[in-house]
Amino acid sequence: EKYSQWTHFRQFLLMKEVPFIRALPRNEQFEMYSKLTRKSYEADEYIITEGDDGDEFYIILEGSVKVVDSKNGVLVTLFEGHCFGEMGKYAL
């Protein structure tokens, strides 16, 4: 999937607003951005569920994500620039 230069710039700006990424030197921010794997999800598609291994870290670059309980009750909605998932391997 191809992204315009503007899309890359906008996604980089969103990514670097994540606190631990903002604390990194600029060259490490660029390196991290270059290693991102972009994934798209359909509306109402589950990204992770309770009990999954949870070894991924997600940054929302476009759209929103609902965090729901086991009865599909919405606990919180996350938007562009928010992140969730396993941060252990990225902690400073």
N, C-alpha and C. Protein backbone atom coordinates (compact mmCIF):
# COMPACT_ATOMS: atom_id res chain seq x y z
N GLU A 1 0.85 -1.18 0.00
CA GLU A 1 0.00 0.00 0.00
C GLU A 1 0.90 1.24 0.00
N LYS A 2 0.60 2.16 -0.88
CA LYS A 2 1.42 3.37 -1.01
C LYS A 2 0.81 4.51 -0.21
N TYR A 3 1.68 5.29 0.38
CA TYR A 3 1.25 6.45 1.17
C TYR A 3 1.89 7.69 0.57
N SER A 4 1.16 8.78 0.58
CA SER A 4 1.70 10.04 0.08
C SER A 4 2.72 10.58 1.07
N GLN A 5 3.53 11.49 0.60
CA GLN A 5 4.53 12.13 1.45
C GLN A 5 3.84 12.83 2.63
N TRP A 6 2.71 13.45 2.38
CA TRP A 6 1.95 14.13 3.44
C TRP A 6 1.48 13.12 4.48
N THR A 7 0.99 11.96 4.03
CA THR A 7 0.53 10.92 4.96
C THR A 7 1.67 10.46 5.84
N HIS A 8 2.85 10.21 5.26
CA HIS A 8 4.00 9.80 6.05
C HIS A 8 4.36 10.87 7.08
N PHE A 9 4.38 12.11 6.66
CA PHE A 9 4.73 13.21 7.56
C PHE A 9 3.74 13.29 8.72
N ARG A 10 2.45 13.21 8.40
CA ARG A 10 1.40 13.27 9.42
C ARG A 10 1.50 12.09 10.39
N GLN A 11 1.74 10.89 9.87
CA GLN A 11 1.87 9.71 10.72
C GLN A 11 3.12 9.81 11.60
N PHE A 12 4.21 10.34 11.06
CA PHE A 12 5.42 10.52 11.86
C PHE A 12 5.15 11.49 13.01
N LEU A 13 4.45 12.59 12.73
CA LEU A 13 4.14 13.56 13.79
C LEU A 13 3.27 12.93 14.87
N LEU A 14 2.29 12.13 14.49
CA LEU A 14 1.45 11.44 15.48
C LEU A 14 2.28 10.46 16.31
N MET A 15 3.12 9.67 15.64
CA MET A 15 3.93 8.69 16.34
C MET A 15 4.84 9.35 17.37
N LYS A 16 5.45 10.45 17.00
CA LYS A 16 6.42 11.06 17.91
C LYS A 16 5.77 11.79 19.07
N GLU A 17 4.44 11.85 19.11
CA GLU A 17 3.75 12.41 20.27
C GLU A 17 3.57 11.39 21.39
N VAL A 18 3.84 10.12 21.11
CA VAL A 18 3.82 9.10 22.16
C VAL A 18 4.97 9.44 23.10
N PRO A 19 4.69 9.60 24.41
CA PRO A 19 5.71 10.12 25.33
C PRO A 19 7.08 9.44 25.25
N PHE A 20 7.16 8.12 25.26
CA PHE A 20 8.48 7.50 25.25
C PHE A 20 9.19 7.67 23.91
N ILE A 21 8.43 7.85 22.83
CA ILE A 21 9.04 8.09 21.52
C ILE A 21 9.52 9.53 21.44
N ARG A 22 8.74 10.46 22.00
CA ARG A 22 9.12 11.88 22.01
C ARG A 22 10.45 12.07 22.72
N ALA A 23 10.75 11.22 23.72
CA ALA A 23 11.98 11.34 24.49
C ALA A 23 13.21 10.84 23.73
N LEU A 24 13.00 10.12 22.63
CA LEU A 24 14.12 9.58 21.86
C LEU A 24 14.77 10.66 21.00
N PRO A 25 16.06 10.51 20.70
CA PRO A 25 16.70 11.41 19.74
C PRO A 25 16.01 11.30 18.38
N ARG A 26 16.03 12.36 17.61
CA ARG A 26 15.33 12.41 16.33
C ARG A 26 15.70 11.26 15.41
N ASN A 27 17.00 10.91 15.32
CA ASN A 27 17.40 9.83 14.42
C ASN A 27 16.77 8.49 14.85
N GLU A 28 16.60 8.26 16.15
CA GLU A 28 15.95 7.03 16.62
C GLU A 28 14.45 7.07 16.35
N GLN A 29 13.85 8.27 16.39
CA GLN A 29 12.44 8.40 16.02
C GLN A 29 12.24 8.02 14.56
N PHE A 30 13.12 8.52 13.68
CA PHE A 30 13.03 8.18 12.26
C PHE A 30 13.23 6.68 12.04
N GLU A 31 14.18 6.10 12.76
CA GLU A 31 14.44 4.67 12.62
C GLU A 31 13.22 3.86 13.06
N MET A 32 12.61 4.25 14.18
CA MET A 32 11.42 3.55 14.66
C MET A 32 10.29 3.68 13.65
N TYR A 33 10.10 4.88 13.11
CA TYR A 33 9.04 5.09 12.12
C TYR A 33 9.26 4.20 10.89
N SER A 34 10.49 4.09 10.45
CA SER A 34 10.78 3.29 9.26
C SER A 34 10.50 1.80 9.48
N LYS A 35 10.47 1.38 10.75
CA LYS A 35 10.24 -0.04 11.05
C LYS A 35 8.78 -0.35 11.38
N LEU A 36 7.93 0.66 11.38
CA LEU A 36 6.52 0.41 11.67
C LEU A 36 5.90 -0.51 10.64
N THR A 37 5.06 -1.40 11.10
CA THR A 37 4.24 -2.21 10.22
C THR A 37 2.85 -1.62 10.26
N ARG A 38 2.35 -1.19 9.13
CA ARG A 38 1.02 -0.59 9.08
C ARG A 38 -0.02 -1.68 8.84
N LYS A 39 -1.04 -1.66 9.67
CA LYS A 39 -2.13 -2.61 9.54
C LYS A 39 -3.44 -1.83 9.55
N SER A 40 -4.36 -2.27 8.73
CA SER A 40 -5.69 -1.65 8.68
C SER A 40 -6.70 -2.66 9.21
N TYR A 41 -7.71 -2.15 9.88
CA TYR A 41 -8.75 -3.00 10.44
C TYR A 41 -10.11 -2.47 10.00
N GLU A 42 -11.05 -3.38 9.84
CA GLU A 42 -12.42 -3.03 9.49
C GLU A 42 -13.15 -2.53 10.74
N ALA A 43 -14.21 -1.76 10.54
CA ALA A 43 -15.05 -1.33 11.66
C ALA A 43 -15.55 -2.57 12.41
N ASP A 44 -15.52 -2.50 13.71
CA ASP A 44 -15.98 -3.57 14.60
C ASP A 44 -15.11 -4.83 14.56
N GLU A 45 -13.95 -4.78 13.93
CA GLU A 45 -13.03 -5.91 13.94
C GLU A 45 -12.21 -5.86 15.22
N TYR A 46 -12.02 -7.01 15.86
CA TYR A 46 -11.20 -7.07 17.07
C TYR A 46 -9.73 -7.06 16.70
N ILE A 47 -8.96 -6.24 17.39
CA ILE A 47 -7.52 -6.17 17.18
C ILE A 47 -6.83 -7.16 18.12
N ILE A 48 -7.16 -7.07 19.39
CA ILE A 48 -6.70 -8.03 20.39
C ILE A 48 -7.86 -8.30 21.33
N THR A 49 -7.83 -9.47 21.95
CA THR A 49 -8.87 -9.81 22.91
C THR A 49 -8.22 -10.26 24.21
N GLU A 50 -8.98 -10.19 25.28
CA GLU A 50 -8.49 -10.60 26.59
C GLU A 50 -7.98 -12.04 26.51
N GLY A 51 -6.80 -12.26 27.06
CA GLY A 51 -6.20 -13.59 27.04
C GLY A 51 -5.18 -13.79 25.93
N ASP A 52 -5.16 -12.88 24.92
CA ASP A 52 -4.14 -12.97 23.87
C ASP A 52 -2.76 -12.73 24.47
N ASP A 53 -1.72 -13.20 23.79
CA ASP A 53 -0.35 -13.00 24.26
C ASP A 53 -0.01 -11.52 24.41
N GLY A 54 -0.52 -10.69 23.54
CA GLY A 54 -0.31 -9.25 23.64
C GLY A 54 1.12 -8.82 23.49
N ASP A 55 1.79 -9.27 22.44
CA ASP A 55 3.19 -8.91 22.23
C ASP A 55 3.36 -7.80 21.20
N GLU A 56 2.29 -7.14 20.85
CA GLU A 56 2.34 -6.05 19.87
C GLU A 56 2.06 -4.71 20.56
N PHE A 57 2.59 -3.65 19.96
CA PHE A 57 2.35 -2.28 20.42
C PHE A 57 1.70 -1.53 19.27
N TYR A 58 0.61 -0.84 19.55
CA TYR A 58 -0.17 -0.17 18.50
C TYR A 58 -0.20 1.33 18.73
N ILE A 59 -0.03 2.08 17.64
CA ILE A 59 -0.22 3.52 17.64
C ILE A 59 -1.33 3.79 16.63
N ILE A 60 -2.37 4.48 17.05
CA ILE A 60 -3.47 4.76 16.14
C ILE A 60 -3.08 5.94 15.27
N LEU A 61 -2.90 5.67 13.99
CA LEU A 61 -2.49 6.71 13.04
C LEU A 61 -3.66 7.30 12.29
N GLU A 62 -4.77 6.58 12.30
CA GLU A 62 -5.97 7.07 11.60
C GLU A 62 -7.18 6.37 12.19
N GLY A 63 -8.24 7.12 12.41
CA GLY A 63 -9.48 6.53 12.93
C GLY A 63 -9.52 6.46 14.44
N SER A 64 -10.26 5.48 14.94
CA SER A 64 -10.40 5.32 16.39
C SER A 64 -10.53 3.85 16.73
N VAL A 65 -10.32 3.53 18.01
CA VAL A 65 -10.41 2.17 18.52
C VAL A 65 -11.24 2.19 19.78
N LYS A 66 -12.21 1.29 19.87
CA LYS A 66 -13.01 1.15 21.08
C LYS A 66 -12.42 0.02 21.92
N VAL A 67 -12.25 0.30 23.21
CA VAL A 67 -11.83 -0.74 24.16
C VAL A 67 -13.12 -1.21 24.82
N VAL A 68 -13.42 -2.50 24.67
CA VAL A 68 -14.68 -3.03 25.18
C VAL A 68 -14.43 -4.14 26.20
N ASP A 69 -15.41 -4.34 27.07
CA ASP A 69 -15.33 -5.44 28.03
C ASP A 69 -15.89 -6.72 27.40
N SER A 70 -15.95 -7.78 28.17
CA SER A 70 -16.37 -9.08 27.64
C SER A 70 -17.82 -9.09 27.16
N LYS A 71 -18.60 -8.07 27.53
CA LYS A 71 -20.00 -7.97 27.09
C LYS A 71 -20.17 -6.90 26.01
N ASN A 72 -19.05 -6.49 25.42
CA ASN A 72 -19.00 -5.46 24.37
C ASN A 72 -19.43 -4.08 24.85
N GLY A 73 -19.35 -3.85 26.16
CA GLY A 73 -19.59 -2.51 26.68
C GLY A 73 -18.35 -1.66 26.46
N VAL A 74 -18.51 -0.48 25.92
CA VAL A 74 -17.37 0.39 25.61
C VAL A 74 -16.80 0.97 26.90
N LEU A 75 -15.52 0.69 27.16
CA LEU A 75 -14.84 1.23 28.33
C LEU A 75 -14.22 2.59 28.03
N VAL A 76 -13.64 2.70 26.84
CA VAL A 76 -13.00 3.95 26.41
C VAL A 76 -12.83 3.91 24.89
N THR A 77 -12.81 5.07 24.27
CA THR A 77 -12.51 5.17 22.84
C THR A 77 -11.18 5.90 22.70
N LEU A 78 -10.28 5.31 21.92
CA LEU A 78 -8.97 5.90 21.66
C LEU A 78 -8.96 6.48 20.25
N PHE A 79 -8.24 7.57 20.07
CA PHE A 79 -8.22 8.27 18.78
C PHE A 79 -6.79 8.39 18.25
N GLU A 80 -6.66 9.02 17.08
CA GLU A 80 -5.35 9.22 16.46
C GLU A 80 -4.35 9.77 17.48
N GLY A 81 -3.16 9.17 17.48
CA GLY A 81 -2.11 9.58 18.41
C GLY A 81 -2.09 8.80 19.71
N HIS A 82 -3.19 8.11 20.03
CA HIS A 82 -3.19 7.26 21.23
C HIS A 82 -2.48 5.95 20.91
N CYS A 83 -2.03 5.26 21.95
CA CYS A 83 -1.38 3.98 21.76
C CYS A 83 -1.87 2.99 22.81
N PHE A 84 -1.67 1.71 22.53
CA PHE A 84 -2.04 0.66 23.47
C PHE A 84 -1.25 -0.60 23.13
N GLY A 85 -1.25 -1.54 24.05
CA GLY A 85 -0.58 -2.81 23.80
C GLY A 85 0.68 -2.96 24.65
N GLU A 86 1.53 -3.87 24.25
CA GLU A 86 2.74 -4.23 24.98
C GLU A 86 3.84 -3.22 24.73
N MET A 87 4.23 -2.51 25.78
CA MET A 87 5.30 -1.52 25.64
C MET A 87 6.61 -1.99 26.22
N GLY A 88 6.63 -3.16 26.87
CA GLY A 88 7.82 -3.63 27.56
C GLY A 88 9.08 -3.62 26.73
N LYS A 89 9.00 -4.07 25.49
CA LYS A 89 10.19 -4.13 24.67
C LYS A 89 10.63 -2.76 24.16
N TYR A 90 9.80 -1.74 24.38
CA TYR A 90 10.14 -0.39 23.93
C TYR A 90 10.46 0.57 25.08
N ALA A 91 10.31 0.10 26.31
CA ALA A 91 10.50 0.98 27.46
C ALA A 91 11.95 1.50 27.52
N LEU A 92 12.08 2.73 27.95
CA LEU A 92 13.41 3.35 28.07
C LEU A 92 14.04 2.97 29.39
